[in-house]
Amino acid sequence: MRNMLEPFLDRVRSKAHILEILPAYSLTCCMISENDRSAFIISKGRIELIDRYDSLDIKVEGPSEILCQLFSGAGKLTDEKLVFRGSFRQFLLLDSLLNLTKEPTI
């Protein structure tokens, strides 16, 4: 899953208009599939994968196939096979980031 998160985070970093909607405070997000767990921190000043965390703000659990589709732009955060834990505001932020950084389709 890390190999799908890295390009997503690179797309977030590369788009100045997306950086405007990021919070000033850090959000710790964790994606959990049946055999993998990857976490990242996102804020105006920090966008990176992390190995360790003390607490989570956002947790998304589901099949690795659905999570990979999510970060490539082919899936939706509202997929019934995904379980989202976090506030509604955090859901909207993550959903916006996913939509604004979709990989271009040819």
C-alpha atoms as a PDB file:
ATOM      1  CA  MET A   1       0.000   0.000   0.000  1.00  0.00           C
ATOM      2  CA  ARG A   2       2.955   2.332   0.597  1.00  0.00           C
ATOM      3  CA  ASN A   3       3.659   2.246  -3.119  1.00  0.00           C
ATOM      4  CA  MET A   4       0.181   3.727  -3.733  1.00  0.00           C
ATOM      5  CA  LEU A   5       0.435   6.304  -0.945  1.00  0.00           C
ATOM      6  CA  GLU A   6       3.750   7.786  -2.100  1.00  0.00           C
ATOM      7  CA  PRO A   7       2.453   8.946  -5.521  1.00  0.00           C
ATOM      8  CA  PHE A   8      -0.720  10.284  -3.859  1.00  0.00           C
ATOM      9  CA  LEU A   9       1.304  12.340  -1.365  1.00  0.00           C
ATOM     10  CA  ASP A  10       3.573  13.544  -4.206  1.00  0.00           C
ATOM     11  CA  ARG A  11       0.501  14.774  -6.100  1.00  0.00           C
ATOM     12  CA  VAL A  12      -0.741  16.589  -2.977  1.00  0.00           C
ATOM     13  CA  ARG A  13       2.680  18.269  -2.558  1.00  0.00           C
ATOM     14  CA  SER A  14       2.919  19.295  -6.202  1.00  0.00           C
ATOM     15  CA  LYS A  15      -0.368  21.192  -6.437  1.00  0.00           C
ATOM     16  CA  ALA A  16      -0.278  24.625  -4.820  1.00  0.00           C
ATOM     17  CA  HIS A  17      -4.061  25.016  -4.837  1.00  0.00           C
ATOM     18  CA  ILE A  18      -4.415  21.822  -2.778  1.00  0.00           C
ATOM     19  CA  LEU A  19      -1.939  23.043  -0.175  1.00  0.00           C
ATOM     20  CA  GLU A  20      -4.350  25.911   0.527  1.00  0.00           C
ATOM     21  CA  ILE A  21      -7.017  23.580   1.944  1.00  0.00           C
ATOM     22  CA  LEU A  22      -4.662  21.652   4.229  1.00  0.00           C
ATOM     23  CA  PRO A  23      -4.960  22.365   7.946  1.00  0.00           C
ATOM     24  CA  ALA A  24      -2.247  24.217   9.871  1.00  0.00           C
ATOM     25  CA  TYR A  25      -2.248  21.355  12.402  1.00  0.00           C
ATOM     26  CA  SER A  26      -1.087  17.809  11.617  1.00  0.00           C
ATOM     27  CA  LEU A  27      -3.545  15.025  10.877  1.00  0.00           C
ATOM     28  CA  THR A  28      -2.316  11.467  11.283  1.00  0.00           C
ATOM     29  CA  CYS A  29      -4.001   9.061   8.882  1.00  0.00           C
ATOM     30  CA  CYS A  30      -3.718   5.277   8.813  1.00  0.00           C
ATOM     31  CA  MET A  31      -4.835   2.950   6.022  1.00  0.00           C
ATOM     32  CA  ILE A  32      -5.377  -0.625   7.131  1.00  0.00           C
ATOM     33  CA  SER A  33      -5.959  -3.635   4.884  1.00  0.00           C
ATOM     34  CA  GLU A  34      -6.052  -7.324   5.652  1.00  0.00           C
ATOM     35  CA  ASN A  35      -2.243  -7.648   5.534  1.00  0.00           C
ATOM     36  CA  ASP A  36      -0.822  -4.128   5.505  1.00  0.00           C
ATOM     37  CA  ARG A  37      -0.866  -0.920   7.508  1.00  0.00           C
ATOM     38  CA  SER A  38       0.468   2.430   6.283  1.00  0.00           C
ATOM     39  CA  ALA A  39       0.294   5.826   7.931  1.00  0.00           C
ATOM     40  CA  PHE A  40       0.969   9.383   6.867  1.00  0.00           C
ATOM     41  CA  ILE A  41       0.849  12.875   8.298  1.00  0.00           C
ATOM     42  CA  ILE A  42      -0.679  15.723   6.393  1.00  0.00           C
ATOM     43  CA  SER A  43      -0.683  19.454   7.150  1.00  0.00           C
ATOM     44  CA  LYS A  44       0.353  22.696   5.470  1.00  0.00           C
ATOM     45  CA  GLY A  45       3.943  22.205   6.598  1.00  0.00           C
ATOM     46  CA  ARG A  46       4.286  18.422   6.538  1.00  0.00           C
ATOM     47  CA  ILE A  47       3.171  15.771   4.074  1.00  0.00           C
ATOM     48  CA  GLU A  48       4.926  12.443   4.547  1.00  0.00           C
ATOM     49  CA  LEU A  49       4.687   8.735   5.216  1.00  0.00           C
ATOM     50  CA  ILE A  50       5.469   7.720   8.779  1.00  0.00           C
ATOM     51  CA  ASP A  51       6.383   4.449  10.433  1.00  0.00           C
ATOM     52  CA  ARG A  52       5.259   5.210  13.981  1.00  0.00           C
ATOM     53  CA  TYR A  53       2.492   7.251  15.530  1.00  0.00           C
ATOM     54  CA  ASP A  54       1.129   7.895  19.000  1.00  0.00           C
ATOM     55  CA  SER A  55      -2.477   8.578  18.077  1.00  0.00           C
ATOM     56  CA  LEU A  56      -4.647   8.594  14.971  1.00  0.00           C
ATOM     57  CA  ASP A  57      -7.010  11.239  13.676  1.00  0.00           C
ATOM     58  CA  ILE A  58      -8.232   9.281  10.649  1.00  0.00           C
ATOM     59  CA  LYS A  59      -8.401   5.530  10.126  1.00  0.00           C
ATOM     60  CA  VAL A  60      -9.628   3.860   6.939  1.00  0.00           C
ATOM     61  CA  GLU A  61      -9.970   0.070   6.902  1.00  0.00           C
ATOM     62  CA  GLY A  62     -10.836  -2.170   3.995  1.00  0.00           C
ATOM     63  CA  PRO A  63      -9.606  -4.601   1.358  1.00  0.00           C
ATOM     64  CA  SER A  64      -6.219  -3.670  -0.124  1.00  0.00           C
ATOM     65  CA  GLU A  65      -7.700  -3.723  -3.629  1.00  0.00           C
ATOM     66  CA  ILE A  66     -10.267  -1.043  -2.714  1.00  0.00           C
ATOM     67  CA  LEU A  67      -7.682   1.068  -0.865  1.00  0.00           C
ATOM     68  CA  CYS A  68      -5.344   0.969  -3.879  1.00  0.00           C
ATOM     69  CA  GLN A  69      -8.215   2.047  -6.148  1.00  0.00           C
ATOM     70  CA  LEU A  70      -8.946   4.860  -3.726  1.00  0.00           C
ATOM     71  CA  PHE A  71      -5.469   6.368  -4.052  1.00  0.00           C
ATOM     72  CA  SER A  72      -5.314   5.968  -7.814  1.00  0.00           C
ATOM     73  CA  GLY A  73      -8.602   7.839  -8.197  1.00  0.00           C
ATOM     74  CA  ALA A  74     -10.653   4.852  -9.342  1.00  0.00           C
ATOM     75  CA  GLY A  75     -12.356   4.265  -5.984  1.00  0.00           C
ATOM     76  CA  LYS A  76     -14.500   6.318  -3.637  1.00  0.00           C
ATOM     77  CA  LEU A  77     -14.147   6.888   0.090  1.00  0.00           C
ATOM     78  CA  THR A  78     -17.872   6.126   0.353  1.00  0.00           C
ATOM     79  CA  ASP A  79     -17.362   2.517  -0.830  1.00  0.00           C
ATOM     80  CA  GLU A  80     -19.417   0.243   1.424  1.00  0.00           C
ATOM     81  CA  LYS A  81     -16.435  -2.078   1.933  1.00  0.00           C
ATOM     82  CA  LEU A  82     -14.438   0.722   3.580  1.00  0.00           C
ATOM     83  CA  VAL A  83     -14.761   1.709   7.225  1.00  0.00           C
ATOM     84  CA  PHE A  84     -13.873   5.346   7.954  1.00  0.00           C
ATOM     85  CA  ARG A  85     -13.104   6.506  11.486  1.00  0.00           C
ATOM     86  CA  GLY A  86     -12.692  10.224  12.041  1.00  0.00           C
ATOM     87  CA  SER A  87     -14.789  13.373  12.097  1.00  0.00           C
ATOM     88  CA  PHE A  88     -17.059  14.464   9.266  1.00  0.00           C
ATOM     89  CA  ARG A  89     -14.739  17.408   8.600  1.00  0.00           C
ATOM     90  CA  GLN A  90     -11.789  14.996   8.276  1.00  0.00           C
ATOM     91  CA  PHE A  91     -13.834  12.806   5.939  1.00  0.00           C
ATOM     92  CA  LEU A  92     -14.571  15.805   3.722  1.00  0.00           C
ATOM     93  CA  LEU A  93     -10.909  16.850   3.688  1.00  0.00           C
ATOM     94  CA  LEU A  94      -9.639  13.390   2.755  1.00  0.00           C
ATOM     95  CA  ASP A  95     -12.383  12.963   0.140  1.00  0.00           C
ATOM     96  CA  SER A  96     -11.476  16.351  -1.369  1.00  0.00           C
ATOM     97  CA  LEU A  97      -7.778  15.461  -1.483  1.00  0.00           C
ATOM     98  CA  LEU A  98      -8.545  12.155  -3.190  1.00  0.00           C
ATOM     99  CA  ASN A  99     -10.752  13.837  -5.795  1.00  0.00           C
ATOM    100  CA  LEU A 100      -8.384  16.744  -6.461  1.00  0.00           C
ATOM    101  CA  THR A 101      -5.365  14.471  -6.931  1.00  0.00           C
ATOM    102  CA  LYS A 102      -6.877  11.803  -9.153  1.00  0.00           C
ATOM    103  CA  GLU A 103      -4.470  10.355 -11.664  1.00  0.00           C
ATOM    104  CA  PRO A 104      -5.304  11.669 -15.135  1.00  0.00           C
ATOM    105  CA  THR A 105      -7.109   9.230 -17.396  1.00  0.00           C
ATOM    106  CA  ILE A 106      -6.141   9.052 -21.038  1.00  0.00           C
END
